[in-house]
All heavy atoms as atom14 arrays in JSON, in Angstrom:
{
  "sequence": "FFSLASTYPSAAFAEIVDLGQKHLRKLRRLDGGAAFGIEKRIMEISN",
  "atom14_mask": [
    [1, 1, 1, 1, 1, 1, 1, 1, 1, 1, 1, 0, 0, 0],
    [1, 1, 1, 1, 1, 1, 1, 1, 1, 1, 1, 0, 0, 0],
    [1, 1, 1, 1, 1, 1, 0, 0, 0, 0, 0, 0, 0, 0],
    [1, 1, 1, 1, 1, 1, 1, 1, 0, 0, 0, 0, 0, 0],
    [1, 1, 1, 1, 1, 0, 0, 0, 0, 0, 0, 0, 0, 0],
    [1, 1, 1, 1, 1, 1, 0, 0, 0, 0, 0, 0, 0, 0],
    [1, 1, 1, 1, 1, 1, 1, 0, 0, 0, 0, 0, 0, 0],
    [1, 1, 1, 1, 1, 1, 1, 1, 1, 1, 1, 1, 0, 0],
    [1, 1, 1, 1, 1, 1, 1, 0, 0, 0, 0, 0, 0, 0],
    [1, 1, 1, 1, 1, 1, 0, 0, 0, 0, 0, 0, 0, 0],
    [1, 1, 1, 1, 1, 0, 0, 0, 0, 0, 0, 0, 0, 0],
    [1, 1, 1, 1, 1, 0, 0, 0, 0, 0, 0, 0, 0, 0],
    [1, 1, 1, 1, 1, 1, 1, 1, 1, 1, 1, 0, 0, 0],
    [1, 1, 1, 1, 1, 0, 0, 0, 0, 0, 0, 0, 0, 0],
    [1, 1, 1, 1, 1, 1, 1, 1, 1, 0, 0, 0, 0, 0],
    [1, 1, 1, 1, 1, 1, 1, 1, 0, 0, 0, 0, 0, 0],
    [1, 1, 1, 1, 1, 1, 1, 0, 0, 0, 0, 0, 0, 0],
    [1, 1, 1, 1, 1, 1, 1, 1, 0, 0, 0, 0, 0, 0],
    [1, 1, 1, 1, 1, 1, 1, 1, 0, 0, 0, 0, 0, 0],
    [1, 1, 1, 1, 0, 0, 0, 0, 0, 0, 0, 0, 0, 0],
    [1, 1, 1, 1, 1, 1, 1, 1, 1, 0, 0, 0, 0, 0],
    [1, 1, 1, 1, 1, 1, 1, 1, 1, 0, 0, 0, 0, 0],
    [1, 1, 1, 1, 1, 1, 1, 1, 1, 1, 0, 0, 0, 0],
    [1, 1, 1, 1, 1, 1, 1, 1, 0, 0, 0, 0, 0, 0],
    [1, 1, 1, 1, 1, 1, 1, 1, 1, 1, 1, 0, 0, 0],
    [1, 1, 1, 1, 1, 1, 1, 1, 1, 0, 0, 0, 0, 0],
    [1, 1, 1, 1, 1, 1, 1, 1, 0, 0, 0, 0, 0, 0],
    [1, 1, 1, 1, 1, 1, 1, 1, 1, 1, 1, 0, 0, 0],
    [1, 1, 1, 1, 1, 1, 1, 1, 1, 1, 1, 0, 0, 0],
    [1, 1, 1, 1, 1, 1, 1, 1, 0, 0, 0, 0, 0, 0],
    [1, 1, 1, 1, 1, 1, 1, 1, 0, 0, 0, 0, 0, 0],
    [1, 1, 1, 1, 0, 0, 0, 0, 0, 0, 0, 0, 0, 0],
    [1, 1, 1, 1, 0, 0, 0, 0, 0, 0, 0, 0, 0, 0],
    [1, 1, 1, 1, 1, 0, 0, 0, 0, 0, 0, 0, 0, 0],
    [1, 1, 1, 1, 1, 0, 0, 0, 0, 0, 0, 0, 0, 0],
    [1, 1, 1, 1, 1, 1, 1, 1, 1, 1, 1, 0, 0, 0],
    [1, 1, 1, 1, 0, 0, 0, 0, 0, 0, 0, 0, 0, 0],
    [1, 1, 1, 1, 1, 1, 1, 1, 0, 0, 0, 0, 0, 0],
    [1, 1, 1, 1, 1, 1, 1, 1, 1, 0, 0, 0, 0, 0],
    [1, 1, 1, 1, 1, 1, 1, 1, 1, 0, 0, 0, 0, 0],
    [1, 1, 1, 1, 1, 1, 1, 1, 1, 1, 1, 0, 0, 0],
    [1, 1, 1, 1, 1, 1, 1, 1, 0, 0, 0, 0, 0, 0],
    [1, 1, 1, 1, 1, 1, 1, 1, 0, 0, 0, 0, 0, 0],
    [1, 1, 1, 1, 1, 1, 1, 1, 1, 0, 0, 0, 0, 0],
    [1, 1, 1, 1, 1, 1, 1, 1, 0, 0, 0, 0, 0, 0],
    [1, 1, 1, 1, 1, 1, 0, 0, 0, 0, 0, 0, 0, 0],
    [1, 1, 1, 1, 1, 1, 1, 1, 0, 0, 0, 0, 0, 0]
  ],
  "atom14_positions": [
    [[-8.13, 74.77, 37.57], [-7.79, 75.73, 36.52], [-8.74, 75.78, 35.32], [-8.53, 76.59, 34.43], [-6.38, 75.42, 35.98], [-5.29, 75.61, 36.99], [-4.66, 74.51, 37.56], [-4.9, 76.89, 37.38], [-3.65, 74.68, 38.49], [-3.89, 77.06, 38.31], [-3.25, 75.96, 38.87], [0.0, 0.0, 0.0], [0.0, 0.0, 0.0], [0.0, 0.0, 0.0]],
    [[-9.77, 74.93, 35.28], [-10.6, 74.89, 34.07], [-11.23, 76.25, 33.76], [-11.18, 76.71, 32.62], [-11.7, 73.83, 34.21], [-12.49, 73.63, 32.94], [-12.05, 72.75, 31.96], [-13.67, 74.33, 32.71], [-12.76, 72.57, 30.79], [-14.39, 74.16, 31.54], [-13.93, 73.28, 30.58], [0.0, 0.0, 0.0], [0.0, 0.0, 0.0], [0.0, 0.0, 0.0]],
    [[-11.85, 76.87, 34.74], [-12.52, 78.16, 34.5], [-11.53, 79.21, 33.99], [-11.82, 79.95, 33.04], [-13.2, 78.66, 35.78], [-14.28, 77.82, 36.13], [0.0, 0.0, 0.0], [0.0, 0.0, 0.0], [0.0, 0.0, 0.0], [0.0, 0.0, 0.0], [0.0, 0.0, 0.0], [0.0, 0.0, 0.0], [0.0, 0.0, 0.0], [0.0, 0.0, 0.0]],
    [[-10.36, 79.27, 34.62], [-9.36, 80.26, 34.22], [-8.76, 79.92, 32.86], [-8.62, 80.8, 31.99], [-8.25, 80.34, 35.27], [-7.12, 81.36, 35.01], [-7.68, 82.77, 34.99], [-6.02, 81.22, 36.06], [0.0, 0.0, 0.0], [0.0, 0.0, 0.0], [0.0, 0.0, 0.0], [0.0, 0.0, 0.0], [0.0, 0.0, 0.0], [0.0, 0.0, 0.0]],
    [[-8.43, 78.65, 32.66], [-7.8, 78.24, 31.4], [-8.72, 78.4, 30.2], [-8.28, 78.67, 29.09], [-7.33, 76.79, 31.5], [0.0, 0.0, 0.0], [0.0, 0.0, 0.0], [0.0, 0.0, 0.0], [0.0, 0.0, 0.0], [0.0, 0.0, 0.0], [0.0, 0.0, 0.0], [0.0, 0.0, 0.0], [0.0, 0.0, 0.0], [0.0, 0.0, 0.0]],
    [[-10.03, 78.25, 30.42], [-10.98, 78.35, 29.31], [-11.31, 79.8, 28.97], [-11.99, 80.04, 27.96], [-12.27, 77.6, 29.66], [-12.92, 78.18, 30.78], [0.0, 0.0, 0.0], [0.0, 0.0, 0.0], [0.0, 0.0, 0.0], [0.0, 0.0, 0.0], [0.0, 0.0, 0.0], [0.0, 0.0, 0.0], [0.0, 0.0, 0.0], [0.0, 0.0, 0.0]],
    [[-10.85, 80.73, 29.77], [-11.07, 82.16, 29.47], [-9.77, 82.92, 29.26], [-9.65, 83.73, 28.36], [-11.88, 82.83, 30.6], [-11.3, 82.49, 31.87], [-13.33, 82.36, 30.59], [0.0, 0.0, 0.0], [0.0, 0.0, 0.0], [0.0, 0.0, 0.0], [0.0, 0.0, 0.0], [0.0, 0.0, 0.0], [0.0, 0.0, 0.0], [0.0, 0.0, 0.0]],
    [[-8.77, 82.64, 30.12], [-7.46, 83.29, 30.01], [-6.36, 82.23, 30.03], [-5.69, 82.02, 31.05], [-7.26, 84.29, 31.15], [-8.32, 85.36, 31.22], [-9.37, 85.27, 32.14], [-8.3, 86.44, 30.35], [-10.36, 86.24, 32.19], [-9.29, 87.42, 30.39], [-10.31, 87.31, 31.31], [-11.28, 88.27, 31.36], [0.0, 0.0, 0.0], [0.0, 0.0, 0.0]],
    [[-6.15, 81.53, 28.9], [-5.21, 80.4, 28.88], [-3.78, 80.75, 29.31], [-3.15, 79.97, 30.03], [-5.24, 79.95, 27.42], [-6.55, 80.43, 26.9], [-6.82, 81.71, 27.61], [0.0, 0.0, 0.0], [0.0, 0.0, 0.0], [0.0, 0.0, 0.0], [0.0, 0.0, 0.0], [0.0, 0.0, 0.0], [0.0, 0.0, 0.0], [0.0, 0.0, 0.0]],
    [[-3.26, 81.89, 28.87], [-1.87, 82.23, 29.18], [-1.64, 82.33, 30.68], [-0.58, 81.94, 31.19], [-1.47, 83.54, 28.5], [-2.31, 84.61, 28.93], [0.0, 0.0, 0.0], [0.0, 0.0, 0.0], [0.0, 0.0, 0.0], [0.0, 0.0, 0.0], [0.0, 0.0, 0.0], [0.0, 0.0, 0.0], [0.0, 0.0, 0.0], [0.0, 0.0, 0.0]],
    [[-2.62, 82.84, 31.42], [-2.49, 82.97, 32.87], [-2.53, 81.61, 33.56], [-1.81, 81.36, 34.54], [-3.59, 83.87, 33.43], [0.0, 0.0, 0.0], [0.0, 0.0, 0.0], [0.0, 0.0, 0.0], [0.0, 0.0, 0.0], [0.0, 0.0, 0.0], [0.0, 0.0, 0.0], [0.0, 0.0, 0.0], [0.0, 0.0, 0.0], [0.0, 0.0, 0.0]],
    [[-3.35, 80.7, 33.04], [-3.52, 79.4, 33.69], [-2.39, 78.43, 33.35], [-1.88, 77.72, 34.22], [-4.86, 78.79, 33.27], [0.0, 0.0, 0.0], [0.0, 0.0, 0.0], [0.0, 0.0, 0.0], [0.0, 0.0, 0.0], [0.0, 0.0, 0.0], [0.0, 0.0, 0.0], [0.0, 0.0, 0.0], [0.0, 0.0, 0.0], [0.0, 0.0, 0.0]],
    [[-1.96, 78.41, 32.07], [-0.99, 77.39, 31.66], [0.41, 77.65, 32.21], [1.24, 76.73, 32.23], [-0.96, 77.26, 30.14], [-2.01, 76.33, 29.62], [-3.22, 76.82, 29.13], [-1.83, 74.96, 29.64], [-4.2, 75.97, 28.67], [-2.81, 74.09, 29.17], [-4.0, 74.6, 28.69], [0.0, 0.0, 0.0], [0.0, 0.0, 0.0], [0.0, 0.0, 0.0]],
    [[0.69, 78.85, 32.66], [1.97, 79.1, 33.31], [2.11, 78.21, 34.55], [3.18, 77.65, 34.82], [2.08, 80.57, 33.7], [0.0, 0.0, 0.0], [0.0, 0.0, 0.0], [0.0, 0.0, 0.0], [0.0, 0.0, 0.0], [0.0, 0.0, 0.0], [0.0, 0.0, 0.0], [0.0, 0.0, 0.0], [0.0, 0.0, 0.0], [0.0, 0.0, 0.0]],
    [[1.02, 78.03, 35.28], [1.04, 77.17, 36.47], [0.82, 75.71, 36.11], [1.39, 74.81, 36.74], [-0.02, 77.64, 37.46], [0.23, 79.03, 38.03], [-0.73, 79.36, 39.16], [-0.81, 78.57, 40.11], [-1.43, 80.39, 39.05], [0.0, 0.0, 0.0], [0.0, 0.0, 0.0], [0.0, 0.0, 0.0], [0.0, 0.0, 0.0], [0.0, 0.0, 0.0]],
    [[-0.04, 75.46, 35.11], [-0.34, 74.07, 34.73], [0.92, 73.36, 34.23], [1.18, 72.21, 34.6], [-1.45, 74.04, 33.65], [-2.78, 74.51, 34.23], [-1.59, 72.63, 33.07], [-3.89, 74.67, 33.21], [0.0, 0.0, 0.0], [0.0, 0.0, 0.0], [0.0, 0.0, 0.0], [0.0, 0.0, 0.0], [0.0, 0.0, 0.0], [0.0, 0.0, 0.0]],
    [[1.7, 74.04, 33.39], [2.92, 73.44, 32.86], [3.92, 73.15, 33.98], [4.57, 72.1, 34.01], [3.56, 74.36, 31.8], [4.92, 73.82, 31.37], [2.64, 74.47, 30.59], [0.0, 0.0, 0.0], [0.0, 0.0, 0.0], [0.0, 0.0, 0.0], [0.0, 0.0, 0.0], [0.0, 0.0, 0.0], [0.0, 0.0, 0.0], [0.0, 0.0, 0.0]],
    [[4.03, 74.07, 34.94], [4.95, 73.88, 36.06], [4.55, 72.65, 36.89], [5.39, 71.83, 37.26], [4.96, 75.14, 36.92], [5.97, 75.03, 38.06], [7.15, 74.78, 37.77], [5.56, 75.18, 39.23], [0.0, 0.0, 0.0], [0.0, 0.0, 0.0], [0.0, 0.0, 0.0], [0.0, 0.0, 0.0], [0.0, 0.0, 0.0], [0.0, 0.0, 0.0]],
    [[3.25, 72.52, 37.17], [2.76, 71.35, 37.9], [2.98, 70.07, 37.1], [3.31, 69.02, 37.64], [1.28, 71.52, 38.23], [0.92, 72.5, 39.34], [-0.59, 72.72, 39.38], [1.42, 71.99, 40.68], [0.0, 0.0, 0.0], [0.0, 0.0, 0.0], [0.0, 0.0, 0.0], [0.0, 0.0, 0.0], [0.0, 0.0, 0.0], [0.0, 0.0, 0.0]],
    [[2.8, 70.17, 35.77], [2.97, 69.01, 34.91], [4.4, 68.49, 34.95], [4.62, 67.26, 34.94], [0.0, 0.0, 0.0], [0.0, 0.0, 0.0], [0.0, 0.0, 0.0], [0.0, 0.0, 0.0], [0.0, 0.0, 0.0], [0.0, 0.0, 0.0], [0.0, 0.0, 0.0], [0.0, 0.0, 0.0], [0.0, 0.0, 0.0], [0.0, 0.0, 0.0]],
    [[5.37, 69.39, 34.99], [6.78, 68.96, 35.06], [7.06, 68.19, 36.35], [7.8, 67.21, 36.36], [7.69, 70.18, 34.95], [7.69, 70.85, 33.59], [8.1, 69.88, 32.48], [9.06, 69.12, 32.63], [7.35, 69.91, 31.38], [0.0, 0.0, 0.0], [0.0, 0.0, 0.0], [0.0, 0.0, 0.0], [0.0, 0.0, 0.0], [0.0, 0.0, 0.0]],
    [[6.46, 68.63, 37.44], [6.63, 67.92, 38.72], [6.03, 66.53, 38.65], [6.62, 65.55, 39.15], [5.98, 68.72, 39.85], [6.65, 70.07, 40.11], [5.92, 70.84, 41.19], [6.57, 72.2, 41.41], [5.84, 73.01, 42.42], [0.0, 0.0, 0.0], [0.0, 0.0, 0.0], [0.0, 0.0, 0.0], [0.0, 0.0, 0.0], [0.0, 0.0, 0.0]],
    [[4.85, 66.41, 38.03], [4.22, 65.1, 37.9], [5.04, 64.19, 36.99], [5.14, 62.98, 37.23], [2.79, 65.26, 37.35], [1.84, 65.89, 38.31], [0.93, 66.84, 37.93], [1.67, 65.71, 39.64], [0.23, 67.22, 38.99], [0.67, 66.55, 40.04], [0.0, 0.0, 0.0], [0.0, 0.0, 0.0], [0.0, 0.0, 0.0], [0.0, 0.0, 0.0]],
    [[5.62, 64.77, 35.92], [6.42, 63.97, 35.0], [7.65, 63.39, 35.69], [8.01, 62.22, 35.5], [6.85, 64.81, 33.8], [5.95, 64.77, 32.56], [6.44, 65.75, 31.51], [5.87, 63.36, 32.0], [0.0, 0.0, 0.0], [0.0, 0.0, 0.0], [0.0, 0.0, 0.0], [0.0, 0.0, 0.0], [0.0, 0.0, 0.0], [0.0, 0.0, 0.0]],
    [[8.32, 64.23, 36.48], [9.51, 63.75, 37.19], [9.16, 62.58, 38.11], [9.9, 61.6, 38.22], [10.16, 64.9, 37.98], [10.88, 65.91, 37.1], [11.77, 66.82, 37.94], [11.0, 67.69, 38.81], [10.57, 68.91, 38.45], [10.84, 69.38, 37.23], [9.89, 69.66, 39.29], [0.0, 0.0, 0.0], [0.0, 0.0, 0.0], [0.0, 0.0, 0.0]],
    [[8.02, 62.7, 38.78], [7.6, 61.63, 39.68], [7.21, 60.38, 38.92], [7.55, 59.25, 39.32], [6.42, 62.13, 40.52], [5.97, 61.16, 41.6], [4.89, 61.78, 42.47], [4.47, 60.84, 43.59], [3.42, 61.44, 44.47], [0.0, 0.0, 0.0], [0.0, 0.0, 0.0], [0.0, 0.0, 0.0], [0.0, 0.0, 0.0], [0.0, 0.0, 0.0]],
    [[6.51, 60.55, 37.78], [6.06, 59.4, 37.01], [7.23, 58.66, 36.37], [7.19, 57.43, 36.22], [5.06, 59.85, 35.93], [4.41, 58.75, 35.1], [3.65, 57.77, 35.99], [3.46, 59.36, 34.05], [0.0, 0.0, 0.0], [0.0, 0.0, 0.0], [0.0, 0.0, 0.0], [0.0, 0.0, 0.0], [0.0, 0.0, 0.0], [0.0, 0.0, 0.0]],
    [[8.31, 59.39, 35.99], [9.49, 58.74, 35.4], [10.09, 57.73, 36.38], [10.6, 56.68, 35.98], [10.52, 59.78, 35.0], [10.16, 60.6, 33.76], [11.34, 61.4, 33.26], [10.92, 62.35, 32.24], [10.77, 63.66, 32.44], [11.01, 64.17, 33.66], [10.39, 64.45, 31.46], [0.0, 0.0, 0.0], [0.0, 0.0, 0.0], [0.0, 0.0, 0.0]],
    [[10.04, 58.08, 37.66], [10.59, 57.17, 38.67], [9.69, 55.95, 38.86], [10.17, 54.86, 39.19], [10.75, 57.9, 40.01], [11.76, 59.04, 39.99], [12.11, 59.5, 41.4], [10.95, 59.99, 42.13], [10.55, 61.26, 42.16], [11.23, 62.18, 41.46], [9.49, 61.61, 42.85], [0.0, 0.0, 0.0], [0.0, 0.0, 0.0], [0.0, 0.0, 0.0]],
    [[8.39, 56.14, 38.67], [7.43, 55.06, 38.91], [7.24, 54.16, 37.69], [7.15, 52.94, 37.81], [6.07, 55.65, 39.33], [6.06, 56.46, 40.64], [4.74, 57.2, 40.78], [6.29, 55.54, 41.83], [0.0, 0.0, 0.0], [0.0, 0.0, 0.0], [0.0, 0.0, 0.0], [0.0, 0.0, 0.0], [0.0, 0.0, 0.0], [0.0, 0.0, 0.0]],
    [[7.13, 54.78, 36.52], [6.87, 54.03, 35.28], [7.4, 54.86, 34.11], [6.69, 55.74, 33.59], [5.37, 53.76, 35.14], [5.05, 52.82, 33.98], [5.84, 52.75, 33.03], [3.99, 52.15, 34.04], [0.0, 0.0, 0.0], [0.0, 0.0, 0.0], [0.0, 0.0, 0.0], [0.0, 0.0, 0.0], [0.0, 0.0, 0.0], [0.0, 0.0, 0.0]],
    [[8.61, 54.57, 33.7], [9.24, 55.34, 32.63], [8.49, 55.27, 31.32], [8.4, 56.26, 30.58], [0.0, 0.0, 0.0], [0.0, 0.0, 0.0], [0.0, 0.0, 0.0], [0.0, 0.0, 0.0], [0.0, 0.0, 0.0], [0.0, 0.0, 0.0], [0.0, 0.0, 0.0], [0.0, 0.0, 0.0], [0.0, 0.0, 0.0], [0.0, 0.0, 0.0]],
    [[7.94, 54.09, 31.0], [7.21, 53.93, 29.74], [5.97, 54.81, 29.69], [5.69, 55.45, 28.68], [0.0, 0.0, 0.0], [0.0, 0.0, 0.0], [0.0, 0.0, 0.0], [0.0, 0.0, 0.0], [0.0, 0.0, 0.0], [0.0, 0.0, 0.0], [0.0, 0.0, 0.0], [0.0, 0.0, 0.0], [0.0, 0.0, 0.0], [0.0, 0.0, 0.0]],
    [[5.19, 54.82, 30.78], [3.98, 55.65, 30.83], [4.34, 57.13, 30.75], [3.66, 57.91, 30.07], [3.21, 55.36, 32.11], [0.0, 0.0, 0.0], [0.0, 0.0, 0.0], [0.0, 0.0, 0.0], [0.0, 0.0, 0.0], [0.0, 0.0, 0.0], [0.0, 0.0, 0.0], [0.0, 0.0, 0.0], [0.0, 0.0, 0.0], [0.0, 0.0, 0.0]],
    [[5.44, 57.52, 31.43], [5.88, 58.92, 31.41], [6.27, 59.34, 30.0], [5.92, 60.43, 29.54], [7.04, 59.12, 32.37], [0.0, 0.0, 0.0], [0.0, 0.0, 0.0], [0.0, 0.0, 0.0], [0.0, 0.0, 0.0], [0.0, 0.0, 0.0], [0.0, 0.0, 0.0], [0.0, 0.0, 0.0], [0.0, 0.0, 0.0], [0.0, 0.0, 0.0]],
    [[6.97, 58.45, 29.29], [7.39, 58.76, 27.92], [6.18, 58.96, 27.01], [6.14, 59.89, 26.2], [8.28, 57.63, 27.39], [8.66, 57.8, 25.94], [9.67, 58.67, 25.58], [8.0, 57.09, 24.94], [10.02, 58.84, 24.24], [8.34, 57.26, 23.62], [9.34, 58.13, 23.26], [0.0, 0.0, 0.0], [0.0, 0.0, 0.0], [0.0, 0.0, 0.0]],
    [[5.19, 58.07, 27.11], [4.01, 58.16, 26.26], [3.21, 59.43, 26.49], [2.79, 60.1, 25.53], [0.0, 0.0, 0.0], [0.0, 0.0, 0.0], [0.0, 0.0, 0.0], [0.0, 0.0, 0.0], [0.0, 0.0, 0.0], [0.0, 0.0, 0.0], [0.0, 0.0, 0.0], [0.0, 0.0, 0.0], [0.0, 0.0, 0.0], [0.0, 0.0, 0.0]],
    [[3.01, 59.8, 27.74], [2.22, 61.0, 28.04], [2.99, 62.25, 27.66], [2.42, 63.21, 27.11], [1.85, 61.02, 29.54], [0.89, 59.88, 29.87], [1.21, 62.36, 29.91], [0.5, 59.77, 31.32], [0.0, 0.0, 0.0], [0.0, 0.0, 0.0], [0.0, 0.0, 0.0], [0.0, 0.0, 0.0], [0.0, 0.0, 0.0], [0.0, 0.0, 0.0]],
    [[4.31, 62.27, 27.93], [5.12, 63.44, 27.56], [5.11, 63.63, 26.05], [5.04, 64.77, 25.55], [6.55, 63.27, 28.07], [7.41, 64.5, 27.84], [8.8, 64.35, 28.41], [9.22, 63.2, 28.66], [9.47, 65.38, 28.6], [0.0, 0.0, 0.0], [0.0, 0.0, 0.0], [0.0, 0.0, 0.0], [0.0, 0.0, 0.0], [0.0, 0.0, 0.0]],
    [[5.19, 62.54, 25.31], [5.15, 62.62, 23.85], [3.83, 63.21, 23.37], [3.8, 64.06, 22.48], [5.34, 61.22, 23.25], [5.33, 61.2, 21.73], [5.45, 59.78, 21.2], [5.35, 59.77, 19.67], [5.39, 58.38, 19.13], [0.0, 0.0, 0.0], [0.0, 0.0, 0.0], [0.0, 0.0, 0.0], [0.0, 0.0, 0.0], [0.0, 0.0, 0.0]],
    [[2.72, 62.79, 23.99], [1.41, 63.32, 23.61], [1.32, 64.82, 23.91], [0.81, 65.6, 23.11], [0.3, 62.58, 24.35], [-1.11, 63.02, 23.92], [-2.18, 62.39, 24.78], [-2.08, 60.95, 24.78], [-2.06, 60.21, 25.88], [-2.12, 60.79, 27.08], [-1.97, 58.89, 25.82], [0.0, 0.0, 0.0], [0.0, 0.0, 0.0], [0.0, 0.0, 0.0]],
    [[1.81, 65.23, 25.07], [1.78, 66.65, 25.43], [2.6, 67.48, 24.45], [2.18, 68.56, 24.02], [2.3, 66.85, 26.88], [1.28, 66.28, 27.88], [2.55, 68.32, 27.17], [1.76, 66.31, 29.32], [0.0, 0.0, 0.0], [0.0, 0.0, 0.0], [0.0, 0.0, 0.0], [0.0, 0.0, 0.0], [0.0, 0.0, 0.0], [0.0, 0.0, 0.0]],
    [[3.75, 66.96, 24.04], [4.6, 67.69, 23.08], [3.91, 67.79, 21.72], [3.97, 68.84, 21.07], [5.95, 66.99, 22.95], [6.83, 67.09, 24.18], [7.2, 68.82, 24.62], [8.09, 69.34, 23.16], [0.0, 0.0, 0.0], [0.0, 0.0, 0.0], [0.0, 0.0, 0.0], [0.0, 0.0, 0.0], [0.0, 0.0, 0.0], [0.0, 0.0, 0.0]],
    [[3.28, 66.71, 21.28], [2.59, 66.73, 19.97], [1.47, 67.76, 19.97], [1.29, 68.48, 18.97], [2.04, 65.35, 19.67], [3.1, 64.32, 19.33], [2.54, 62.91, 19.19], [1.37, 62.69, 19.61], [3.26, 62.04, 18.69], [0.0, 0.0, 0.0], [0.0, 0.0, 0.0], [0.0, 0.0, 0.0], [0.0, 0.0, 0.0], [0.0, 0.0, 0.0]],
    [[0.73, 67.85, 21.06], [-0.36, 68.83, 21.14], [0.21, 70.24, 21.23], [-0.26, 71.16, 20.55], [-1.27, 68.53, 22.35], [-1.92, 67.16, 22.21], [-2.34, 69.61, 22.49], [-2.69, 66.71, 23.44], [0.0, 0.0, 0.0], [0.0, 0.0, 0.0], [0.0, 0.0, 0.0], [0.0, 0.0, 0.0], [0.0, 0.0, 0.0], [0.0, 0.0, 0.0]],
    [[1.25, 70.43, 22.05], [1.85, 71.76, 22.23], [2.42, 72.31, 20.93], [2.38, 73.52, 20.68], [2.94, 71.71, 23.3], [2.41, 71.32, 24.55], [0.0, 0.0, 0.0], [0.0, 0.0, 0.0], [0.0, 0.0, 0.0], [0.0, 0.0, 0.0], [0.0, 0.0, 0.0], [0.0, 0.0, 0.0], [0.0, 0.0, 0.0], [0.0, 0.0, 0.0]],
    [[2.94, 71.42, 20.08], [3.55, 71.86, 18.82], [2.53, 72.43, 17.84], [2.91, 73.08, 16.85], [4.3, 70.7, 18.16], [5.57, 70.34, 18.91], [6.13, 71.17, 19.63], [6.03, 69.11, 18.74], [0.0, 0.0, 0.0], [0.0, 0.0, 0.0], [0.0, 0.0, 0.0], [0.0, 0.0, 0.0], [0.0, 0.0, 0.0], [0.0, 0.0, 0.0]]
  ]
}
């Protein structure tokens, strides 16, 4: 998604965010602490 996101962010991040949620759900099962830290960073940047 780099080429698309760097030119048309709204089109790319619709899919990137969806994929990110799937990765977060998986990471919570594997390492809750790591999932919490990364999710917090994503929220701080998104805000």
